Amino acid sequence: MSPTIFRAGGFRFYFFSREETRMHVHVYCERGEAKFWMEPTIELAQNSGMAARQIRIAKTLIEEHYDEIRNAWQTHFGC
């Protein structure tokens, strides 16, 4: 299961239900996918096909939606 948290700018932000416990978010776009750690700071963990510009845009969107992502994580995982 991979619930969508939100969509913006051609990106889908989501997480997998059965993955590691450290808070993170996955990002999908037409050209690839990436994974960002949310703590202790927002940083790129993995990238598969996304251009540097897309990574920057995705990171900015994560920063703007940080509270929404965090709340979705806590609701989904019961933290």
Protein backbone atom coordinates (compact mmCIF):
# COMPACT_ATOMS: atom_id res chain seq x y z
CA MET A 1 0.00 0.00 0.00
CA SER A 2 1.36 3.43 -0.91
CA PRO A 3 -1.02 6.22 0.09
CA THR A 4 -0.76 9.50 -1.78
CA ILE A 5 -0.21 12.44 0.55
CA PHE A 6 -0.62 15.15 -2.07
CA ARG A 7 0.04 16.02 -5.71
CA ALA A 8 1.61 19.26 -6.90
CA GLY A 9 3.55 20.52 -9.90
CA GLY A 10 3.37 17.20 -11.75
CA PHE A 11 4.68 15.27 -8.72
CA ARG A 12 3.02 12.65 -6.54
CA PHE A 13 4.16 12.53 -2.91
CA TYR A 14 3.57 9.25 -1.08
CA PHE A 15 5.02 6.63 1.24
CA PHE A 16 5.00 2.86 1.45
CA SER A 17 3.20 1.21 4.33
CA ARG A 18 5.85 -1.38 5.07
CA GLU A 19 9.22 0.25 4.83
CA GLU A 20 11.77 1.66 7.25
CA THR A 21 10.68 3.55 10.34
CA ARG A 22 12.69 6.77 9.75
CA MET A 23 10.30 9.40 8.44
CA HIS A 24 10.66 9.89 4.69
CA VAL A 25 8.60 10.61 1.59
CA HIS A 26 8.73 9.24 -1.93
CA VAL A 27 8.24 11.48 -4.95
CA TYR A 28 7.16 10.32 -8.40
CA CYS A 29 7.08 12.31 -11.62
CA GLU A 30 6.96 11.41 -15.29
CA ARG A 31 10.78 11.21 -15.54
CA GLY A 32 11.61 9.27 -12.38
CA GLU A 33 11.33 8.79 -8.66
CA ALA A 34 13.15 9.96 -5.56
CA LYS A 35 13.11 9.43 -1.82
CA PHE A 36 13.72 12.18 0.73
CA TRP A 37 14.49 11.84 4.42
CA MET A 38 12.32 14.14 6.51
CA GLU A 39 14.41 14.05 9.69
CA PRO A 40 16.65 15.31 11.08
CA THR A 41 16.64 17.53 7.97
CA ILE A 42 15.03 17.22 4.57
CA GLU A 43 17.60 15.60 2.30
CA LEU A 44 17.71 13.42 -0.78
CA ALA A 45 18.10 9.73 0.06
CA GLN A 46 17.73 8.17 -3.42
CA ASN A 47 17.13 9.32 -6.96
CA SER A 48 16.19 7.30 -10.00
CA GLY A 49 15.89 9.38 -13.15
CA MET A 50 14.87 12.78 -11.83
CA ALA A 51 16.87 15.76 -13.10
CA ALA A 52 18.58 18.10 -10.63
CA ARG A 53 15.94 20.78 -11.31
CA GLN A 54 13.13 18.33 -10.49
CA ILE A 55 14.90 17.35 -7.27
CA ARG A 56 15.12 21.01 -6.24
CA ILE A 57 11.43 21.59 -7.01
CA ALA A 58 10.40 18.43 -5.16
CA LYS A 59 12.46 19.43 -2.12
CA THR A 60 10.87 22.88 -2.10
CA LEU A 61 7.41 21.32 -2.23
CA ILE A 62 8.33 18.99 0.64
CA GLU A 63 9.47 21.98 2.68
CA GLU A 64 6.21 23.82 1.92
CA HIS A 65 4.10 20.76 2.83
CA TYR A 66 6.23 19.52 5.72
CA ASP A 67 3.42 19.64 8.30
CA GLU A 68 0.99 17.87 5.95
CA ILE A 69 3.51 15.09 5.27
CA ARG A 70 4.36 14.73 8.96
CA ASN A 71 0.67 14.56 9.94
CA ALA A 72 -0.05 11.97 7.23
CA TRP A 73 2.90 9.89 8.47
CA GLN A 74 1.71 10.04 12.08
CA THR A 75 -1.88 9.23 11.13
CA HIS A 76 -0.91 6.32 8.91
CA PHE A 77 1.70 4.78 11.20
CA GLY A 78 0.03 5.70 14.50
CA CYS A 79 3.01 7.63 15.85
